[in-house]
Protein backbone atom coordinates (compact mmCIF):
# COMPACT_ATOMS: atom_id res chain seq x y z
CA MET A 1 14.66 14.25 16.46
CA PHE A 2 13.38 10.45 14.93
CA THR A 3 10.72 8.16 16.07
CA VAL A 4 10.91 4.63 16.38
CA VAL A 5 7.80 2.81 16.06
CA LEU A 6 7.87 -0.94 16.62
CA LEU A 7 4.73 -2.96 15.95
CA THR A 8 3.16 -6.55 15.00
CA SER A 9 0.19 -8.31 13.41
CA PRO A 10 -2.95 -7.63 14.95
CA MET A 11 -4.13 -11.18 14.21
CA ASN A 12 -1.04 -11.97 16.49
CA ALA A 13 -0.04 -8.99 18.69
CA ALA A 14 2.05 -10.09 20.85
CA LEU A 15 4.85 -7.30 20.71
CA ASP A 16 7.05 -8.10 23.84
CA PRO A 17 7.24 -4.77 26.65
CA ALA A 18 10.97 -6.28 26.86
CA LEU A 19 11.82 -5.46 23.37
CA VAL A 20 10.59 -2.37 23.42
CA GLU A 21 12.32 -1.11 26.41
CA SER A 22 15.78 -2.70 25.66
CA LEU A 23 15.78 -0.88 22.59
CA ARG A 24 14.72 2.18 24.33
CA ASN A 25 17.67 1.63 26.61
CA ALA A 26 20.44 0.69 24.20
CA TRP A 27 19.42 3.72 21.63
CA GLY A 28 19.18 6.28 24.31
CA GLY A 29 15.39 6.92 23.53
CA GLY A 30 12.50 8.65 25.27
CA ASP A 31 9.79 7.18 27.43
CA ALA A 32 8.14 4.46 25.33
CA ILE A 33 4.73 5.21 24.15
CA TRP A 34 2.13 2.53 23.27
CA LEU A 35 -0.03 2.97 20.64
CA ALA A 36 -2.14 -0.28 21.08
CA PRO A 37 -1.67 -2.53 23.50
CA ASP A 38 0.75 -5.47 22.58
CA GLU A 39 0.44 -4.36 19.23
CA ALA A 40 2.37 -1.04 18.64
CA ALA A 41 4.41 1.08 20.86
CA GLU A 42 7.13 4.27 19.68
CA PHE A 43 10.14 6.31 21.53
CA VAL A 44 12.01 9.30 20.53
CA VAL A 45 15.81 9.21 19.85
CA ASP A 46 18.23 12.17 18.87
CA GLN A 47 19.70 10.44 15.60
CA VAL A 48 19.05 7.38 13.36
CA PRO A 49 21.01 4.63 15.18
CA GLY A 50 24.00 3.18 13.29
CA ASN A 51 22.79 -0.38 13.58
CA ARG A 52 19.27 0.30 12.39
CA TRP A 53 19.20 -2.32 9.65
CA GLU A 54 20.90 -4.62 11.92
CA VAL A 55 18.31 -4.35 14.20
CA TRP A 56 15.44 -4.49 11.90
CA LYS A 57 16.77 -7.83 10.41
CA ASP A 58 16.81 -9.18 14.29
CA CYS A 59 12.93 -7.55 14.66
CA GLN A 60 11.83 -9.38 11.59
CA ALA A 61 12.87 -12.65 12.74
CA ILE A 62 10.73 -12.43 15.44
CA GLY A 63 7.40 -11.05 13.44
CA VAL A 64 8.16 -7.40 14.60
CA ASP A 65 8.09 -4.68 11.89
CA MET A 66 10.62 -1.78 12.90
CA VAL A 67 10.26 1.53 11.23
CA VAL A 68 12.55 5.08 12.30
CA MET A 69 11.31 8.16 10.62
CA PRO A 70 11.77 11.66 11.22
CA THR A 71 9.43 13.05 13.79
CA GLU A 72 8.43 16.24 12.83
CA GLY A 73 5.93 16.17 10.03
CA ARG A 74 4.78 12.38 10.71
CA ARG A 75 1.13 13.54 10.20
CA LYS A 76 -0.01 13.19 6.60
CA LYS A 77 -2.69 15.41 4.87
CA MET A 78 -3.17 12.79 1.53
CA LEU A 79 -3.27 8.94 1.21
CA LEU A 80 -1.89 7.86 -2.31
CA ALA A 81 -2.69 3.97 -2.33
CA ASP A 82 -2.07 1.31 -4.84
CA MET A 83 -4.67 -1.20 -4.84
CA ASP A 84 -4.01 -4.57 -5.98
CA SER A 85 -1.88 -6.47 -3.40
CA THR A 86 -2.30 -3.63 -1.20
CA MET A 87 -6.03 -2.20 -0.62
CA ILE A 88 -7.08 -5.66 -1.80
CA GLN A 89 -5.72 -8.87 -1.07
CA GLN A 90 -5.58 -9.99 -4.55
CA GLU A 91 -4.34 -8.94 -8.33
CA CYS A 92 -8.02 -8.48 -9.93
CA ILE A 93 -6.44 -9.53 -13.74
CA ASP A 94 -4.98 -12.60 -12.39
CA GLU A 95 -8.72 -13.03 -10.77
CA LEU A 96 -9.90 -12.61 -14.18
CA ALA A 97 -7.61 -14.62 -15.78
CA ASP A 98 -8.72 -17.68 -13.73
CA GLU A 99 -12.10 -17.19 -15.11
CA ALA A 100 -11.04 -16.79 -18.79
CA GLY A 101 -9.19 -20.27 -17.98
CA VAL A 102 -5.81 -18.48 -18.70
CA GLY A 103 -4.58 -17.92 -14.75
CA PRO A 104 -0.98 -19.54 -14.93
CA ARG A 105 0.36 -17.85 -17.50
CA VAL A 106 -1.34 -14.40 -16.53
CA LYS A 107 0.10 -14.99 -12.82
CA ASP A 108 3.53 -15.58 -14.28
CA ILE A 109 3.43 -12.14 -16.20
CA THR A 110 1.69 -10.03 -13.40
CA ALA A 111 4.71 -11.69 -10.58
CA ARG A 112 7.71 -10.66 -13.20
CA ALA A 113 6.08 -7.32 -14.05
CA MET A 114 5.17 -6.46 -10.40
CA ASN A 115 9.10 -7.54 -9.68
CA GLY A 116 10.34 -5.24 -12.22
CA GLU A 117 11.50 -7.75 -14.67
CA LEU A 118 9.10 -6.45 -16.99
CA ASP A 119 8.05 -3.42 -18.77
CA PHE A 120 4.59 -2.67 -17.21
CA ASP A 121 2.90 -0.99 -20.29
CA GLY A 122 3.97 -4.34 -22.48
CA ALA A 123 2.67 -6.63 -19.62
CA LEU A 124 -0.35 -5.17 -19.14
CA ARG A 125 -1.19 -5.29 -22.72
CA GLU A 126 -0.15 -8.85 -22.91
CA ARG A 127 -2.33 -9.73 -20.02
CA VAL A 128 -4.97 -8.17 -21.48
CA GLY A 129 -4.93 -9.79 -24.60
CA LEU A 130 -5.43 -12.85 -22.73
CA LEU A 131 -9.10 -11.86 -21.76
CA ALA A 132 -10.13 -11.43 -25.37
CA GLY A 133 -13.49 -12.94 -25.49
CA LEU A 134 -14.88 -12.92 -21.79
CA ASP A 135 -18.04 -12.17 -20.87
CA VAL A 136 -18.04 -8.32 -19.24
CA GLY A 137 -20.35 -10.03 -16.65
CA VAL A 138 -17.50 -11.71 -15.23
CA ILE A 139 -16.17 -8.82 -13.64
CA ASP A 140 -18.84 -8.39 -11.32
CA LYS A 141 -18.68 -12.01 -10.50
CA VAL A 142 -15.29 -11.47 -9.51
CA LEU A 143 -15.73 -8.45 -7.60
CA ALA A 144 -18.88 -10.63 -5.44
CA GLU A 145 -16.83 -13.49 -5.32
CA ARG A 146 -12.92 -13.17 -5.29
CA ILE A 147 -11.94 -9.96 -4.29
CA THR A 148 -11.70 -9.51 -0.27
CA MET A 149 -10.35 -6.02 0.98
CA MET A 150 -7.08 -5.80 2.82
CA PRO A 151 -7.31 -5.80 6.81
CA GLY A 152 -7.02 -2.41 8.22
CA GLY A 153 -7.99 -0.28 4.76
CA LYS A 154 -11.21 0.97 6.34
CA ALA A 155 -9.62 2.23 9.61
CA LEU A 156 -6.81 3.68 7.60
CA VAL A 157 -9.06 5.90 5.44
CA ALA A 158 -11.95 6.70 7.46
CA THR A 159 -9.10 7.91 10.15
CA MET A 160 -7.06 10.08 7.76
CA LYS A 161 -10.19 11.93 6.05
CA ALA A 162 -11.45 12.34 9.86
CA GLN A 163 -8.78 14.39 10.33
CA GLY A 164 -9.33 16.14 7.15
CA GLY A 165 -7.38 14.09 4.84
CA HIS A 166 -7.84 13.23 1.01
CA ALA A 167 -7.70 9.65 0.08
CA ALA A 168 -6.80 8.76 -3.81
CA LEU A 169 -6.88 5.26 -4.89
CA VAL A 170 -4.48 4.97 -7.96
CA SER A 171 -3.94 1.51 -9.59
CA GLY A 172 -2.43 -0.08 -12.69
CA GLY A 173 -5.58 -2.06 -12.41
CA PHE A 174 -8.92 -1.08 -13.77
CA THR A 175 -11.78 1.48 -13.17
CA ALA A 176 -14.43 -1.33 -13.13
CA PHE A 177 -12.43 -2.59 -9.52
CA THR A 178 -11.12 0.74 -8.35
CA ALA A 179 -14.50 2.32 -8.48
CA GLN A 180 -16.17 -0.24 -6.18
CA VAL A 181 -13.30 -0.82 -4.28
CA ALA A 182 -12.92 2.90 -3.64
CA ALA A 183 -16.25 3.08 -2.62
CA GLU A 184 -16.30 0.79 -0.54
CA LEU A 185 -13.55 1.90 1.48
CA GLY A 186 -14.21 5.93 1.09
CA PHE A 187 -11.88 6.75 -0.83
CA ASP A 188 -12.58 10.46 -2.07
CA GLU A 189 -11.49 9.78 -5.60
CA ASN A 190 -9.79 6.67 -7.90
CA ARG A 191 -7.88 6.82 -11.41
CA ALA A 192 -7.15 3.19 -13.06
CA ASN A 193 -7.13 1.52 -16.77
CA THR A 194 -10.23 0.85 -18.89
CA LEU A 195 -10.68 -2.53 -20.05
CA LEU A 196 -12.25 -2.38 -23.50
CA VAL A 197 -15.96 -3.70 -24.16
CA SER A 198 -17.37 -4.43 -27.57
CA ASP A 199 -21.19 -6.13 -27.41
CA GLY A 200 -20.84 -7.29 -23.90
CA PHE A 201 -17.31 -9.23 -24.30
CA LEU A 202 -13.43 -7.90 -23.52
CA THR A 203 -11.78 -6.81 -26.51
CA GLY A 204 -8.61 -7.79 -25.34
CA GLU A 205 -7.65 -3.93 -25.49
CA VAL A 206 -6.81 -1.39 -22.42
CA GLY A 207 -7.91 2.25 -23.27
CA LEU A 208 -4.85 4.64 -23.93
CA PRO A 209 -3.09 6.22 -22.02
CA ILE A 210 -1.81 3.29 -19.80
CA LEU A 211 -1.44 4.20 -16.23
CA GLY A 212 1.23 2.61 -14.85
CA LYS A 213 4.46 3.95 -13.11
CA GLN A 214 4.62 7.45 -14.21
CA ALA A 215 1.36 8.03 -14.03
CA LYS A 216 1.03 7.22 -10.49
CA VAL A 217 3.69 9.84 -9.79
CA ASP A 218 2.01 12.14 -12.07
CA ALA A 219 -1.08 11.81 -10.18
CA LEU A 220 0.46 12.62 -6.77
CA ALA A 221 1.94 15.72 -8.59
CA GLU A 222 -1.57 17.01 -9.80
CA ILE A 223 -3.69 15.90 -6.99
CA THR A 224 -1.65 17.70 -4.58
CA LYS A 225 -1.42 20.86 -6.31
CA ARG A 226 -5.07 20.71 -6.73
CA LEU A 227 -5.48 20.39 -2.90
CA GLY A 228 -2.70 23.21 -2.03
CA ILE A 229 -0.59 21.02 -0.45
CA GLN A 230 2.76 19.79 -0.59
CA GLU A 231 4.12 16.54 -1.74
CA THR A 232 5.81 15.83 1.41
CA ASP A 233 2.10 16.12 3.16
CA VAL A 234 1.65 12.91 1.36
CA ILE A 235 1.74 8.85 2.83
CA ALA A 236 1.78 6.60 -0.33
CA VAL A 237 1.74 2.97 -0.25
CA GLY A 238 2.47 -0.03 -2.35
CA ASP A 239 4.02 -3.42 -2.80
CA GLY A 240 4.92 -3.45 -6.68
CA ALA A 241 7.80 -2.31 -8.67
CA ASN A 242 5.33 0.15 -10.58
CA ASP A 243 4.63 1.80 -7.16
CA LEU A 244 8.45 2.79 -6.71
CA GLY A 245 8.06 6.43 -8.26
CA MET A 246 4.97 7.32 -6.05
CA LEU A 247 6.86 5.69 -2.94
CA HIS A 248 9.93 7.91 -3.33
CA ARG A 249 8.22 10.92 -4.35
CA ALA A 250 5.90 11.37 -1.86
CA GLY A 251 6.95 12.23 1.94
CA LEU A 252 6.52 8.66 3.28
CA GLY A 253 6.47 5.90 0.70
CA VAL A 254 5.49 2.78 2.81
CA ALA A 255 6.22 -0.61 0.78
CA LEU A 256 3.59 -3.00 2.47
CA HIS A 257 3.75 -7.00 1.98
CA ALA A 258 6.11 -5.91 -1.00
CA LYS A 259 7.99 -7.70 -3.35
CA PRO A 260 11.82 -7.70 -2.63
CA VAL A 261 12.75 -5.34 -5.14
CA VAL A 262 10.61 -2.80 -3.81
CA SER A 263 10.92 -3.15 -0.26
CA ALA A 264 15.06 -3.02 -0.94
CA GLU A 265 14.48 1.07 -1.93
CA CYS A 266 12.15 1.95 1.09
CA ASP A 267 12.97 2.70 4.50
CA VAL A 268 9.53 1.64 5.51
CA ARG A 269 8.69 -1.48 5.30
CA ILE A 270 5.45 -3.59 6.74
CA ASN A 271 5.69 -7.06 6.55
CA PHE A 272 3.61 -8.35 9.33
CA GLY A 273 1.34 -5.16 10.38
CA ASP A 274 -1.60 -4.82 8.06
CA LEU A 275 -2.95 -1.30 7.12
CA THR A 276 -3.46 0.43 10.44
CA ALA A 277 0.54 0.05 10.37
CA LEU A 278 0.30 3.32 8.60
CA LEU A 279 -1.65 4.87 11.11
CA PHE A 280 0.97 3.78 13.92
CA VAL A 281 3.85 5.54 12.00
CA GLN A 282 2.00 8.58 11.63
CA GLY A 283 1.50 8.68 15.54
CA TYR A 284 -2.18 7.60 15.92
CA ARG A 285 -3.12 5.45 18.65
CA LYS A 286 -5.18 2.60 18.37
CA ALA A 287 -8.16 4.83 20.12
CA ASP A 288 -7.92 7.41 17.78
CA PHE A 289 -8.95 5.16 15.01
CA ALA A 290 -12.13 6.15 13.06
CA ALA A 291 -13.56 2.86 12.27
């Protein structure tokens, strides 16, 4: 059995019941269940529809995300999340670069790295090198003035933890940011790279080893083993090329507002919903959200 989930942005919750019913009828699905009025609905089908991706494109054209996934094992026991442009709305290194006066150059490198055009480790070293001499106090300034949480993040983490789940934030960004973001959103643990500091200024170097694509996969393997759960029990979410390893490895990998190269490799693509979409695809009703 498979479950079809239709959802839209909570900022423009206008999921048409007629769309849900017509699709359910066309695919011979079971009764439609509304997870959130005007925002998310689901129904069960016997098999993956042959025209799944054609219908997905039609839904995208009207601002609707559609996910088809196995019904069994939908509820996951662990959340593994990227930070930049996933749990927060910015790329922290780009914000630091703006403060250092090298914003455009660093943003270009970041975009190319996230699109998979550059080696992540080399791109990170190059960008951090451009921050050499920046007062370490700028990090707190950026956190206070420039960093905003992605909508739905608190509800996602709180709801999964309320059901006994574990939440890990694993980022190619920096511990100075993940520590605060993890604390604010309620993550159980966080991993990221370390910006090296000397006499109160960034040295332009990053601590080794660099946490990149493989390190995220390793984190998934290590944490699940420690918790005594299976990798299939994990829902992972990210947006960049360095997230693909963990998105493929996890039981459910979600490309959230992702780069095209990432979306193309993921079956679960959320382009309109916020982070609560990860709860809807697991079958949670909005009334069940913990925050």
